[in-house]
């Protein structure tokens, strides 16, 4: 049995994940004034790769809150 989330749950998870990772990055950069911009970019890329891999593995099925037409709706 493969773990998958419904589209609305995936959208909510992605939104919360993005907000938390941005807050973590801002907090980390604020507390350490001597942080390198390269380290910040690498940390951001790592967070994006984690999210991308969850979508590619079909664990997350984003619907982007219905902003874009899905393939099944465009064929009707």
N, C-alpha and C. Protein backbone atom coordinates (compact mmCIF):
# COMPACT_ATOMS: atom_id res chain seq x y z
N UNK A 1 0.84 -1.17 0.00
CA UNK A 1 0.00 0.00 0.00
C UNK A 1 0.89 1.25 0.00
N UNK A 2 0.66 2.08 -0.97
CA UNK A 2 1.47 3.28 -1.13
C UNK A 2 0.79 4.46 -0.44
N UNK A 3 1.56 5.23 0.28
CA UNK A 3 1.04 6.40 0.99
C UNK A 3 0.86 7.54 0.00
N UNK A 4 -0.37 8.02 -0.14
CA UNK A 4 -0.66 9.18 -0.98
C UNK A 4 -1.62 10.09 -0.23
N UNK A 5 -1.53 11.35 -0.53
CA UNK A 5 -2.44 12.33 0.04
C UNK A 5 -3.39 12.82 -1.04
N UNK A 6 -4.60 13.15 -0.65
CA UNK A 6 -5.57 13.70 -1.58
C UNK A 6 -5.11 15.09 -2.02
N UNK A 7 -5.62 15.57 -3.15
CA UNK A 7 -5.15 16.87 -3.66
C UNK A 7 -5.28 18.04 -2.67
N UNK A 8 -6.40 18.15 -1.99
CA UNK A 8 -6.56 19.26 -1.05
C UNK A 8 -5.60 19.13 0.13
N UNK A 9 -5.44 17.92 0.64
CA UNK A 9 -4.49 17.69 1.74
C UNK A 9 -3.06 17.96 1.27
N UNK A 10 -2.75 17.61 0.02
CA UNK A 10 -1.42 17.89 -0.53
C UNK A 10 -1.18 19.39 -0.63
N UNK A 11 -2.19 20.13 -1.09
CA UNK A 11 -2.05 21.58 -1.18
C UNK A 11 -1.81 22.21 0.18
N UNK A 12 -2.55 21.77 1.18
CA UNK A 12 -2.38 22.30 2.53
C UNK A 12 -1.01 21.94 3.07
N UNK A 13 -0.56 20.69 2.87
CA UNK A 13 0.76 20.26 3.33
C UNK A 13 1.85 21.09 2.67
N UNK A 14 1.76 21.32 1.36
CA UNK A 14 2.77 22.08 0.64
C UNK A 14 2.81 23.52 1.15
N UNK A 15 1.65 24.11 1.38
CA UNK A 15 1.60 25.49 1.87
C UNK A 15 2.25 25.60 3.24
N UNK A 16 1.91 24.69 4.15
CA UNK A 16 2.50 24.71 5.49
C UNK A 16 4.00 24.46 5.41
N UNK A 17 4.42 23.51 4.56
CA UNK A 17 5.84 23.20 4.40
C UNK A 17 6.62 24.41 3.91
N UNK A 18 6.10 25.11 2.93
CA UNK A 18 6.80 26.28 2.39
C UNK A 18 6.90 27.39 3.44
N UNK A 19 5.82 27.62 4.17
CA UNK A 19 5.85 28.67 5.20
C UNK A 19 6.84 28.33 6.30
N UNK A 20 6.83 27.08 6.76
CA UNK A 20 7.75 26.68 7.84
C UNK A 20 9.20 26.75 7.37
N UNK A 21 9.49 26.28 6.15
CA UNK A 21 10.88 26.32 5.68
C UNK A 21 11.36 27.75 5.47
N UNK A 22 10.48 28.64 5.01
CA UNK A 22 10.88 30.04 4.88
C UNK A 22 11.15 30.66 6.24
N UNK A 23 10.30 30.37 7.22
CA UNK A 23 10.53 30.90 8.57
C UNK A 23 11.83 30.35 9.16
N UNK A 24 12.10 29.07 8.93
CA UNK A 24 13.36 28.49 9.42
C UNK A 24 14.57 29.18 8.78
N UNK A 25 14.49 29.41 7.48
CA UNK A 25 15.61 30.08 6.81
C UNK A 25 15.80 31.50 7.32
N UNK A 26 14.70 32.25 7.48
CA UNK A 26 14.81 33.62 7.98
C UNK A 26 15.37 33.63 9.40
N UNK A 27 14.90 32.72 10.25
CA UNK A 27 15.39 32.67 11.62
C UNK A 27 16.87 32.30 11.66
N UNK A 28 17.27 31.33 10.85
CA UNK A 28 18.66 30.91 10.80
C UNK A 28 19.56 32.03 10.32
N UNK A 29 19.12 32.76 9.31
CA UNK A 29 19.93 33.86 8.77
C UNK A 29 19.95 35.06 9.72
N UNK A 30 18.88 35.28 10.45
CA UNK A 30 18.83 36.42 11.36
C UNK A 30 19.74 36.20 12.57
N UNK A 31 19.77 34.96 13.07
CA UNK A 31 20.59 34.67 14.25
C UNK A 31 22.08 34.60 13.93
N UNK A 32 22.43 34.27 12.71
CA UNK A 32 23.84 34.17 12.30
C UNK A 32 24.10 35.21 11.22
N UNK A 33 24.61 36.36 11.63
CA UNK A 33 24.85 37.43 10.66
C UNK A 33 25.94 37.07 9.66
N UNK A 34 26.82 36.14 10.01
CA UNK A 34 27.95 35.82 9.14
C UNK A 34 27.64 34.65 8.20
N UNK A 35 26.38 34.38 7.95
CA UNK A 35 26.03 33.26 7.07
C UNK A 35 26.31 33.63 5.61
N UNK A 36 26.77 32.66 4.88
CA UNK A 36 27.10 32.88 3.48
C UNK A 36 25.82 32.81 2.62
N UNK A 37 25.72 33.66 1.61
CA UNK A 37 24.57 33.57 0.70
C UNK A 37 24.51 32.22 -0.02
N UNK A 38 25.66 31.62 -0.27
CA UNK A 38 25.69 30.32 -0.93
C UNK A 38 25.04 29.26 -0.03
N UNK A 39 25.32 29.33 1.28
CA UNK A 39 24.71 28.38 2.21
C UNK A 39 23.20 28.55 2.25
N UNK A 40 22.73 29.76 2.18
CA UNK A 40 21.30 30.02 2.17
C UNK A 40 20.66 29.43 0.91
N UNK A 41 21.31 29.60 -0.22
CA UNK A 41 20.78 29.06 -1.48
C UNK A 41 20.77 27.54 -1.45
N UNK A 42 21.82 26.94 -0.93
CA UNK A 42 21.90 25.48 -0.85
C UNK A 42 20.80 24.94 0.07
N UNK A 43 20.58 25.61 1.18
CA UNK A 43 19.55 25.18 2.11
C UNK A 43 18.17 25.28 1.45
N UNK A 44 17.91 26.35 0.73
CA UNK A 44 16.65 26.51 0.01
C UNK A 44 16.47 25.45 -1.07
N UNK A 45 17.54 25.14 -1.78
CA UNK A 45 17.46 24.10 -2.81
C UNK A 45 17.18 22.73 -2.20
N UNK A 46 17.75 22.46 -1.05
CA UNK A 46 17.49 21.18 -0.37
C UNK A 46 16.01 21.06 0.00
N UNK A 47 15.42 22.14 0.51
CA UNK A 47 14.00 22.11 0.84
C UNK A 47 13.14 21.90 -0.41
N UNK A 48 13.52 22.52 -1.52
CA UNK A 48 12.76 22.37 -2.76
C UNK A 48 12.92 20.96 -3.32
N UNK A 49 14.10 20.37 -3.22
CA UNK A 49 14.32 19.01 -3.72
C UNK A 49 13.49 18.00 -2.92
N UNK A 50 13.38 18.21 -1.62
CA UNK A 50 12.55 17.32 -0.80
C UNK A 50 11.10 17.39 -1.27
N UNK A 51 10.59 18.58 -1.48
CA UNK A 51 9.22 18.75 -1.94
C UNK A 51 9.03 18.16 -3.33
N UNK A 52 9.97 18.41 -4.23
CA UNK A 52 9.90 17.88 -5.59
C UNK A 52 9.89 16.36 -5.59
N UNK A 53 10.72 15.75 -4.75
CA UNK A 53 10.78 14.28 -4.72
C UNK A 53 9.48 13.69 -4.18
N UNK A 54 8.85 14.34 -3.21
CA UNK A 54 7.56 13.85 -2.71
C UNK A 54 6.48 13.92 -3.79
N UNK A 55 6.54 14.94 -4.63
CA UNK A 55 5.57 15.04 -5.74
C UNK A 55 5.88 14.00 -6.80
N UNK A 56 7.16 13.81 -7.14
CA UNK A 56 7.54 12.82 -8.15
C UNK A 56 7.22 11.39 -7.72
N UNK A 57 7.32 11.10 -6.42
CA UNK A 57 7.00 9.77 -5.91
C UNK A 57 5.50 9.56 -5.75
N UNK A 58 4.72 10.56 -6.12
CA UNK A 58 3.25 10.53 -6.05
C UNK A 58 2.74 10.41 -4.61
N UNK A 59 3.54 10.83 -3.65
CA UNK A 59 3.06 10.90 -2.27
C UNK A 59 2.19 12.14 -2.12
N UNK A 60 2.62 13.23 -2.75
CA UNK A 60 1.82 14.45 -2.80
C UNK A 60 1.21 14.58 -4.18
N UNK A 61 -0.06 14.93 -4.22
CA UNK A 61 -0.78 15.12 -5.48
C UNK A 61 -1.38 16.52 -5.51
N UNK A 62 -0.56 17.52 -5.78
CA UNK A 62 -1.07 18.89 -5.68
C UNK A 62 -2.08 19.21 -6.77
N UNK A 63 -3.08 19.97 -6.38
CA UNK A 63 -4.10 20.46 -7.31
C UNK A 63 -3.95 21.97 -7.46
N UNK A 64 -3.00 22.56 -6.73
CA UNK A 64 -2.72 23.99 -6.72
C UNK A 64 -3.99 24.79 -6.42
N UNK A 65 -4.80 24.25 -5.49
CA UNK A 65 -6.04 24.87 -5.04
C UNK A 65 -7.00 25.16 -6.19
N UNK A 66 -6.95 24.35 -7.24
CA UNK A 66 -7.86 24.48 -8.36
C UNK A 66 -7.55 25.63 -9.30
N UNK A 67 -6.35 26.20 -9.22
CA UNK A 67 -6.02 27.34 -10.07
C UNK A 67 -5.78 26.95 -11.52
N UNK A 68 -5.30 25.73 -11.73
CA UNK A 68 -5.03 25.26 -13.09
C UNK A 68 -5.97 24.12 -13.42
N UNK A 69 -6.35 24.01 -14.70
CA UNK A 69 -7.21 22.92 -15.12
C UNK A 69 -6.44 21.61 -15.07
N UNK A 70 -7.09 20.57 -14.53
CA UNK A 70 -6.43 19.27 -14.52
C UNK A 70 -6.64 18.59 -15.87
N UNK A 71 -5.89 17.55 -16.15
CA UNK A 71 -5.97 16.86 -17.43
C UNK A 71 -7.34 16.21 -17.63
N UNK A 72 -7.91 15.68 -16.56
CA UNK A 72 -9.21 15.02 -16.69
C UNK A 72 -10.32 16.02 -16.99
N UNK A 73 -10.21 17.24 -16.51
CA UNK A 73 -11.24 18.24 -16.77
C UNK A 73 -11.13 18.81 -18.17
N UNK A 74 -9.93 18.89 -18.72
CA UNK A 74 -9.76 19.48 -20.04
C UNK A 74 -10.21 18.52 -21.15
N UNK A 75 -10.29 17.22 -20.87
CA UNK A 75 -10.71 16.25 -21.88
C UNK A 75 -12.22 16.18 -22.01
N UNK A 76 -12.98 16.73 -21.08
CA UNK A 76 -14.43 16.64 -21.12
C UNK A 76 -15.02 17.70 -22.01
